[in-house]
Every structure is written in C-alpha cells, then in structure tokens.
PDB file of N, CA and C in Angstrom:
ATOM      1  N   UNK A   1      -3.241  17.331  22.622  1.00  0.00           N
ATOM      2  CA  UNK A   1      -2.563  17.473  21.117  1.00  0.00           C
ATOM      3  C   UNK A   1      -2.736  18.158  20.397  1.00  0.00           C
ATOM      4  N   UNK A   2      -2.888  19.587  20.507  1.00  0.00           N
ATOM      5  CA  UNK A   2      -2.985  20.767  20.288  1.00  0.00           C
ATOM      6  C   UNK A   2      -1.481  20.928  19.368  1.00  0.00           C
ATOM      7  N   UNK A   3      -0.770  20.583  19.499  1.00  0.00           N
ATOM      8  CA  UNK A   3       0.746  20.916  18.973  1.00  0.00           C
ATOM      9  C   UNK A   3       0.980  20.130  18.148  1.00  0.00           C
ATOM     10  N   UNK A   4       1.819  20.385  16.902  1.00  0.00           N
ATOM     11  CA  UNK A   4       1.773  19.654  15.674  1.00  0.00           C
ATOM     12  C   UNK A   4       2.084  18.552  16.159  1.00  0.00           C
ATOM     13  N   UNK A   5       2.088  17.655  15.273  1.00  0.00           N
ATOM     14  CA  UNK A   5       2.091  15.878  16.181  1.00  0.00           C
ATOM     15  C   UNK A   5       2.693  15.209  14.308  1.00  0.00           C
ATOM     16  N   UNK A   6       3.653  14.109  14.676  1.00  0.00           N
ATOM     17  CA  UNK A   6       4.129  13.285  13.714  1.00  0.00           C
ATOM     18  C   UNK A   6       3.826  11.964  14.198  1.00  0.00           C
ATOM     19  N   UNK A   7       2.983  11.168  13.450  1.00  0.00           N
ATOM     20  CA  UNK A   7       2.639  10.023  13.922  1.00  0.00           C
ATOM     21  C   UNK A   7       3.557   8.848  13.232  1.00  0.00           C
ATOM     22  N   UNK A   8       3.774   7.714  14.107  1.00  0.00           N
ATOM     23  CA  UNK A   8       4.696   6.554  13.167  1.00  0.00           C
ATOM     24  C   UNK A   8       4.146   5.413  13.844  1.00  0.00           C
ATOM     25  N   UNK A   9       3.863   4.446  12.897  1.00  0.00           N
ATOM     26  CA  UNK A   9       3.057   3.191  12.950  1.00  0.00           C
ATOM     27  C   UNK A   9       4.249   2.492  12.637  1.00  0.00           C
ATOM     28  N   UNK A  10       4.093   0.927  13.375  1.00  0.00           N
ATOM     29  CA  UNK A  10       4.686   0.023  13.154  1.00  0.00           C
ATOM     30  C   UNK A  10       3.821  -0.942  12.989  1.00  0.00           C
ATOM     31  N   UNK A  11       4.283  -2.049  12.026  1.00  0.00           N
ATOM     32  CA  UNK A  11       3.439  -3.481  11.978  1.00  0.00           C
ATOM     33  C   UNK A  11       3.065  -3.936  13.072  1.00  0.00           C
ATOM     34  N   UNK A  12       1.903  -4.974  12.706  1.00  0.00           N
ATOM     35  CA  UNK A  12       0.994  -5.501  13.681  1.00  0.00           C
ATOM     36  C   UNK A  12       2.493  -6.556  14.578  1.00  0.00           C
ATOM     37  N   UNK A  13       3.301  -6.847  13.787  1.00  0.00           N
ATOM     38  CA  UNK A  13       3.940  -8.099  14.559  1.00  0.00           C
ATOM     39  C   UNK A  13       5.549  -7.632  15.346  1.00  0.00           C
ATOM     40  N   UNK A  14       5.809  -6.745  14.524  1.00  0.00           N
ATOM     41  CA  UNK A  14       7.389  -5.996  14.842  1.00  0.00           C
ATOM     42  C   UNK A  14       7.557  -4.374  15.369  1.00  0.00           C
ATOM     43  N   UNK A  15       5.877  -4.000  15.460  1.00  0.00           N
ATOM     44  CA  UNK A  15       6.201  -2.351  15.842  1.00  0.00           C
ATOM     45  C   UNK A  15       7.011  -1.865  15.315  1.00  0.00           C
ATOM     46  N   UNK A  16       7.595  -1.049  15.730  1.00  0.00           N
ATOM     47  CA  UNK A  16       8.284   0.332  15.262  1.00  0.00           C
ATOM     48  C   UNK A  16      10.209   0.047  15.486  1.00  0.00           C
ATOM     49  N   UNK A  17      10.486   0.089  14.242  1.00  0.00           N
ATOM     50  CA  UNK A  17      12.275  -0.207  14.540  1.00  0.00           C
ATOM     51  C   UNK A  17      12.691   0.582  15.693  1.00  0.00           C
ATOM     52  N   UNK A  18      13.838   0.191  16.223  1.00  0.00           N
ATOM     53  CA  UNK A  18      14.743   0.432  17.719  1.00  0.00           C
ATOM     54  C   UNK A  18      14.994   2.077  17.455  1.00  0.00           C
ATOM     55  N   UNK A  19      16.074   2.269  16.268  1.00  0.00           N
ATOM     56  CA  UNK A  19      16.427   3.641  15.893  1.00  0.00           C
ATOM     57  C   UNK A  19      14.826   4.519  15.926  1.00  0.00           C
ATOM     58  N   UNK A  20      13.667   4.175  15.050  1.00  0.00           N
ATOM     59  CA  UNK A  20      12.712   4.976  15.580  1.00  0.00           C
ATOM     60  C   UNK A  20      11.730   5.355  16.613  1.00  0.00           C
ATOM     61  N   UNK A  21      11.743   4.086  17.398  1.00  0.00           N
ATOM     62  CA  UNK A  21      11.402   4.243  18.796  1.00  0.00           C
ATOM     63  C   UNK A  21      11.892   5.200  19.831  1.00  0.00           C
ATOM     64  N   UNK A  22      13.650   4.827  19.828  1.00  0.00           N
ATOM     65  CA  UNK A  22      14.330   5.721  20.721  1.00  0.00           C
ATOM     66  C   UNK A  22      14.230   7.184  20.042  1.00  0.00           C
ATOM     67  N   UNK A  23      14.337   7.616  18.864  1.00  0.00           N
ATOM     68  CA  UNK A  23      13.988   8.889  18.069  1.00  0.00           C
ATOM     69  C   UNK A  23      12.699   9.591  18.815  1.00  0.00           C
ATOM     70  N   UNK A  24      11.507   9.157  19.183  1.00  0.00           N
ATOM     71  CA  UNK A  24      10.502   9.638  19.646  1.00  0.00           C
ATOM     72  C   UNK A  24      10.157  10.234  20.877  1.00  0.00           C
ATOM     73  N   UNK A  25       9.622  11.404  20.799  1.00  0.00           N
ATOM     74  CA  UNK A  25       9.856  11.549  22.514  1.00  0.00           C
ATOM     75  C   UNK A  25       8.521  11.786  23.027  1.00  0.00           C
ATOM     76  N   UNK A  26       7.101  10.735  22.316  1.00  0.00           N
ATOM     77  CA  UNK A  26       6.395  10.591  22.999  1.00  0.00           C
ATOM     78  C   UNK A  26       5.875   8.795  22.429  1.00  0.00           C
ATOM     79  N   UNK A  27       5.769   7.990  23.311  1.00  0.00           N
ATOM     80  CA  UNK A  27       4.785   6.817  22.383  1.00  0.00           C
ATOM     81  C   UNK A  27       3.409   6.564  23.021  1.00  0.00           C
ATOM     82  N   UNK A  28       2.432   6.072  22.845  1.00  0.00           N
ATOM     83  CA  UNK A  28       1.125   5.989  22.991  1.00  0.00           C
ATOM     84  C   UNK A  28       0.902   4.472  22.865  1.00  0.00           C
ATOM     85  N   UNK A  29      -0.210   4.073  23.418  1.00  0.00           N
ATOM     86  CA  UNK A  29      -0.526   2.481  23.573  1.00  0.00           C
ATOM     87  C   UNK A  29      -1.839   2.706  23.568  1.00  0.00           C
ATOM     88  N   UNK A  30      -2.672   1.804  22.825  1.00  0.00           N
ATOM     89  CA  UNK A  30      -4.348   1.739  22.837  1.00  0.00           C
ATOM     90  C   UNK A  30      -4.456   0.897  23.811  1.00  0.00           C
ATOM     91  N   UNK A  31      -5.637   1.389  24.871  1.00  0.00           N
ATOM     92  CA  UNK A  31      -5.894   0.235  25.628  1.00  0.00           C
ATOM     93  C   UNK A  31      -7.066  -0.425  24.976  1.00  0.00           C
ATOM     94  N   UNK A  32      -6.965  -1.893  25.658  1.00  0.00           N
ATOM     95  CA  UNK A  32      -7.930  -2.566  24.870  1.00  0.00           C
ATOM     96  C   UNK A  32      -8.979  -3.071  25.897  1.00  0.00           C
ATOM     97  N   UNK A  33     -10.168  -3.404  25.825  1.00  0.00           N
ATOM     98  CA  UNK A  33     -10.718  -4.544  26.949  1.00  0.00           C
ATOM     99  C   UNK A  33     -10.138  -5.682  26.965  1.00  0.00           C
ATOM    100  N   UNK A  34     -10.583  -6.691  27.856  1.00  0.00           N
ATOM    101  CA  UNK A  34     -10.028  -7.640  27.886  1.00  0.00           C
ATOM    102  C   UNK A  34     -11.080  -8.826  27.173  1.00  0.00           C
ATOM    103  N   UNK A  35     -10.392  -8.871  26.295  1.00  0.00           N
ATOM    104  CA  UNK A  35     -10.657  -9.779  24.707  1.00  0.00           C
ATOM    105  C   UNK A  35      -9.481 -10.570  24.282  1.00  0.00           C
ATOM    106  N   UNK A  36      -9.938 -11.663  23.066  1.00  0.00           N
ATOM    107  CA  UNK A  36      -9.187 -12.578  22.956  1.00  0.00           C
ATOM    108  C   UNK A  36      -8.117 -11.906  22.069  1.00  0.00           C
ATOM    109  N   UNK A  37      -8.402 -10.841  21.455  1.00  0.00           N
ATOM    110  CA  UNK A  37      -7.766  -9.930  20.645  1.00  0.00           C
ATOM    111  C   UNK A  37      -6.870  -9.278  20.576  1.00  0.00           C
ATOM    112  N   UNK A  38      -5.117  -9.869  20.094  1.00  0.00           N
ATOM    113  CA  UNK A  38      -3.638  -9.726  20.905  1.00  0.00           C
ATOM    114  C   UNK A  38      -3.545  -7.979  20.296  1.00  0.00           C
ATOM    115  N   UNK A  39      -3.822  -7.588  19.066  1.00  0.00           N
ATOM    116  CA  UNK A  39      -3.616  -6.374  18.654  1.00  0.00           C
ATOM    117  C   UNK A  39      -4.926  -5.546  17.689  1.00  0.00           C
ATOM    118  N   UNK A  40      -4.567  -4.488  17.163  1.00  0.00           N
ATOM    119  CA  UNK A  40      -5.560  -4.097  16.167  1.00  0.00           C
ATOM    120  C   UNK A  40      -4.369  -4.083  15.079  1.00  0.00           C
ATOM    121  N   UNK A  41      -5.079  -3.893  13.835  1.00  0.00           N
ATOM    122  CA  UNK A  41      -3.922  -3.846  12.954  1.00  0.00           C
ATOM    123  C   UNK A  41      -3.940  -2.477  12.705  1.00  0.00           C
ATOM    124  N   UNK A  42      -3.282  -2.201  11.653  1.00  0.00           N
ATOM    125  CA  UNK A  42      -2.464  -0.795  11.602  1.00  0.00           C
ATOM    126  C   UNK A  42      -3.507   0.326  11.378  1.00  0.00           C
ATOM    127  N   UNK A  43      -4.027  -0.091  10.391  1.00  0.00           N
ATOM    128  CA  UNK A  43      -5.459   0.920   9.547  1.00  0.00           C
ATOM    129  C   UNK A  43      -6.306   1.251  10.604  1.00  0.00           C
ATOM    130  N   UNK A  44      -6.709   0.088  11.770  1.00  0.00           N
ATOM    131  CA  UNK A  44      -7.601   0.662  12.969  1.00  0.00           C
ATOM    132  C   UNK A  44      -6.730   1.661  13.834  1.00  0.00           C
ATOM    133  N   UNK A  45      -5.671   1.048  14.092  1.00  0.00           N
ATOM    134  CA  UNK A  45      -4.950   1.653  14.951  1.00  0.00           C
ATOM    135  C   UNK A  45      -4.972   3.197  14.224  1.00  0.00           C
ATOM    136  N   UNK A  46      -4.319   3.112  12.834  1.00  0.00           N
ATOM    137  CA  UNK A  46      -4.490   4.711  12.218  1.00  0.00           C
ATOM    138  C   UNK A  46      -5.827   5.384  12.901  1.00  0.00           C
ATOM    139  N   UNK A  47      -6.725   4.803  12.622  1.00  0.00           N
ATOM    140  CA  UNK A  47      -8.208   5.286  12.968  1.00  0.00           C
ATOM    141  C   UNK A  47      -8.534   5.709  14.305  1.00  0.00           C
ATOM    142  N   UNK A  48      -8.154   5.006  14.870  1.00  0.00           N
ATOM    143  CA  UNK A  48      -8.260   5.336  16.361  1.00  0.00           C
ATOM    144  C   UNK A  48      -7.801   6.875  16.900  1.00  0.00           C
ATOM    145  N   UNK A  49      -6.376   6.607  16.527  1.00  0.00           N
ATOM    146  CA  UNK A  49      -5.495   8.169  16.910  1.00  0.00           C
ATOM    147  C   UNK A  49      -5.947   9.248  16.237  1.00  0.00           C
ATOM    148  N   UNK A  50      -6.492   8.950  14.596  1.00  0.00           N
ATOM    149  CA  UNK A  50      -6.538  10.046  14.606  1.00  0.00           C
ATOM    150  C   UNK A  50      -8.160  10.921  14.843  1.00  0.00           C
ATOM    151  N   UNK A  51      -9.038   9.675  15.401  1.00  0.00           N
ATOM    152  CA  UNK A  51      -9.905  10.299  15.438  1.00  0.00           C
ATOM    153  C   UNK A  51     -10.094  11.012  17.008  1.00  0.00           C
ATOM    154  N   UNK A  52      -9.247  10.372  17.863  1.00  0.00           N
ATOM    155  CA  UNK A  52      -9.077  11.036  19.431  1.00  0.00           C
ATOM    156  C   UNK A  52      -8.170  12.123  19.094  1.00  0.00           C
ATOM    157  N   UNK A  53      -7.326  12.172  18.025  1.00  0.00           N
ATOM    158  CA  UNK A  53      -6.351  13.973  17.755  1.00  0.00           C
ATOM    159  C   UNK A  53      -7.988  14.652  17.596  1.00  0.00           C
ATOM    160  N   UNK A  54      -8.425  14.402  16.507  1.00  0.00           N
ATOM    161  CA  UNK A  54      -9.057  15.423  16.154  1.00  0.00           C
ATOM    162  C   UNK A  54     -10.643  15.726  17.096  1.00  0.00           C
ATOM    163  N   UNK A  55     -10.767  14.751  17.983  1.00  0.00           N
ATOM    164  CA  UNK A  55     -12.033  14.730  18.762  1.00  0.00           C
ATOM    165  C   UNK A  55     -11.068  15.914  19.835  1.00  0.00           C
ATOM    166  N   UNK A  56      -9.773  15.952  20.343  1.00  0.00           N
ATOM    167  CA  UNK A  56      -9.009  16.834  21.294  1.00  0.00           C
ATOM    168  C   UNK A  56      -9.049  18.349  20.610  1.00  0.00           C
ATOM    169  N   UNK A  57      -8.922  18.304  19.671  1.00  0.00           N
ATOM    170  CA  UNK A  57      -8.831  19.711  18.832  1.00  0.00           C
ATOM    171  C   UNK A  57      -9.875  20.293  18.644  1.00  0.00           C
ATOM    172  N   UNK A  58     -10.904  19.639  18.217  1.00  0.00           N
ATOM    173  CA  UNK A  58     -12.385  20.213  18.148  1.00  0.00           C
ATOM    174  C   UNK A  58     -12.622  20.372  19.542  1.00  0.00           C
ATOM    175  N   UNK A  59     -12.274  20.154  20.540  1.00  0.00           N
ATOM    176  CA  UNK A  59     -13.303  20.450  21.711  1.00  0.00           C
ATOM    177  C   UNK A  59     -12.753  21.498  22.918  1.00  0.00           C
TER     178      UNK A  59
END
C-alpha cells in the first residue's frame, strides 16, 4: 500500500452500497480466526486497516 489509498467502510450489517462497491478498484477482507464473532465493528476494522497500511509504509 505505497500508492495513495482511499478507504471506504460500510456498516456492520449492510456493508458498502452497490454503487460504491462497483466503483472501487480493490476490496479487502479482514481474516478472522474460527470464533463465534460474525464481524468486527467499523471502528475496529478501521484500526486494523490503518495499522496495516502504516506497517507496510514503514517497512
């Protein structure tokens, strides 16, 4: 992720709108261990993505 990035996050239940999803050039998914948790809340997902983006930029 060394190029400029624009993040778009959908809500926990519905995700992104179809228009925004189809306009995106890349989509990511955060892998989760085998747990009873269905999804991360948006704040946690943002934190994970920004942490990884900064980790890659600093390496």
